[in-house]
Amino acid sequence: MAPISSFDEAMKGTPKDMEKGMEEWGKWMKKNEGAIADEGAPLGKTKRISAKGISDIRNMVGGYSIIEAESLNEAAKLFENHPHFMLKDGYVEVMEFVPMPGM
């Protein structure tokens, strides 16, 4: 996640800047490959659906990955020094999957 302005600024970067970011992402993926269940993907256009209808929105979510770890804390530790922090005010939020009641 990062402020929308940070994503906009990153998209103005040179191809070399973007290549460097992807290189760092690849290094992080390789280092943590044993914990990565799904590499995920960058996220793009977003729609909000509510009782008022459907609208185009932008939010601070830039992508996702699915990680397997013994605990939420262990999963969070995997993201220390993550390349996403190259974005101004970039950060990562880690959420756990919770079993559906009755399933």
Protein backbone atom coordinates (compact mmCIF):
# COMPACT_ATOMS: atom_id res chain seq x y z
CA MET A 1 0.00 0.00 0.00
CA ALA A 2 1.03 3.59 -0.55
CA PRO A 3 -0.63 6.94 -1.03
CA ILE A 4 -2.11 7.34 -4.52
CA SER A 5 0.34 10.19 -5.13
CA SER A 6 3.26 7.79 -4.53
CA PHE A 7 1.92 5.33 -7.11
CA ASP A 8 1.43 8.19 -9.57
CA GLU A 9 5.01 9.37 -9.00
CA ALA A 10 6.39 5.85 -9.44
CA MET A 11 4.59 5.51 -12.77
CA LYS A 12 6.42 8.62 -13.99
CA GLY A 13 9.74 6.86 -13.41
CA THR A 14 12.02 5.75 -16.20
CA PRO A 15 11.94 2.18 -17.49
CA LYS A 16 15.29 1.73 -15.70
CA ASP A 17 13.67 2.83 -12.39
CA MET A 18 10.85 0.34 -12.89
CA GLU A 19 13.30 -2.40 -13.83
CA LYS A 20 15.25 -1.75 -10.60
CA GLY A 21 12.04 -2.04 -8.59
CA MET A 22 11.13 -5.33 -10.26
CA GLU A 23 14.67 -6.63 -9.71
CA GLU A 24 14.39 -5.90 -5.98
CA TRP A 25 10.94 -7.52 -5.90
CA GLY A 26 12.39 -10.62 -7.58
CA LYS A 27 15.18 -10.83 -4.98
CA TRP A 28 12.64 -10.60 -2.17
CA MET A 29 10.48 -13.30 -3.81
CA LYS A 30 13.47 -15.62 -4.19
CA LYS A 31 14.60 -15.06 -0.58
CA ASN A 32 11.10 -15.89 0.73
CA GLU A 33 9.98 -18.48 -1.83
CA GLY A 34 9.38 -21.12 0.82
CA ALA A 35 6.67 -18.99 2.42
CA ILE A 36 4.98 -17.75 -0.75
CA ALA A 37 1.80 -19.66 -1.57
CA ASP A 38 0.79 -17.26 -4.37
CA GLU A 39 3.07 -14.55 -5.76
CA GLY A 40 0.02 -12.41 -6.33
CA ALA A 41 0.01 -9.50 -8.75
CA PRO A 42 -0.09 -5.75 -9.03
CA LEU A 43 -3.64 -4.41 -8.86
CA GLY A 44 -5.19 -1.93 -11.26
CA LYS A 45 -8.51 -0.23 -11.84
CA THR A 46 -11.01 -0.56 -9.01
CA LYS A 47 -14.81 -0.48 -8.77
CA ARG A 48 -16.76 0.14 -5.58
CA ILE A 49 -20.14 -1.57 -5.39
CA SER A 50 -22.60 -0.41 -2.73
CA ALA A 51 -26.32 0.08 -2.23
CA LYS A 52 -25.84 3.37 -4.13
CA GLY A 53 -24.52 1.59 -7.23
CA ILE A 54 -21.17 1.06 -8.93
CA SER A 55 -18.46 3.70 -9.14
CA ASP A 56 -14.83 4.00 -10.20
CA ILE A 57 -12.45 4.62 -7.28
CA ARG A 58 -8.76 4.62 -6.46
CA ASN A 59 -7.33 3.32 -3.22
CA MET A 60 -3.93 2.69 -1.65
CA VAL A 61 -3.75 -1.03 -2.46
CA GLY A 62 -1.05 -1.69 -5.04
CA GLY A 63 -0.92 -5.48 -5.08
CA TYR A 64 -1.15 -8.66 -3.10
CA SER A 65 0.72 -11.86 -2.27
CA ILE A 66 -0.40 -14.89 -0.27
CA ILE A 67 2.07 -16.03 2.37
CA GLU A 68 2.07 -19.16 4.53
CA ALA A 69 3.52 -18.74 8.02
CA GLU A 70 3.18 -20.22 11.49
CA SER A 71 1.71 -16.97 12.84
CA LEU A 72 0.68 -13.48 11.85
CA ASN A 73 3.87 -12.17 13.47
CA GLU A 74 6.03 -14.56 11.45
CA ALA A 75 4.28 -13.48 8.26
CA ALA A 76 4.82 -9.82 9.15
CA LYS A 77 8.54 -10.38 9.71
CA LEU A 78 8.90 -11.60 6.12
CA PHE A 79 8.08 -8.09 4.93
CA GLU A 80 10.73 -6.24 6.92
CA ASN A 81 12.84 -4.25 4.44
CA HIS A 82 10.46 -5.12 1.58
CA PRO A 83 11.17 -3.41 -1.78
CA HIS A 84 7.71 -1.80 -1.66
CA PHE A 85 9.24 0.64 0.81
CA MET A 86 11.02 2.22 -2.16
CA LEU A 87 7.68 4.01 -2.75
CA LYS A 88 7.34 7.23 -0.76
CA ASP A 89 5.32 6.34 2.36
CA GLY A 90 4.84 2.77 1.09
CA TYR A 91 3.87 0.11 3.58
CA VAL A 92 2.60 -3.47 3.77
CA GLU A 93 -0.40 -4.74 5.69
CA VAL A 94 -0.56 -8.42 6.59
CA MET A 95 -3.96 -10.01 7.20
CA GLU A 96 -4.70 -13.56 8.16
CA PHE A 97 -7.22 -15.83 6.51
CA VAL A 98 -9.84 -16.79 9.08
CA PRO A 99 -11.82 -20.02 8.72
CA MET A 100 -15.46 -19.53 7.74
CA PRO A 101 -17.76 -20.42 10.66
CA GLY A 102 -19.58 -23.67 10.05
CA MET A 103 -17.40 -24.68 7.10
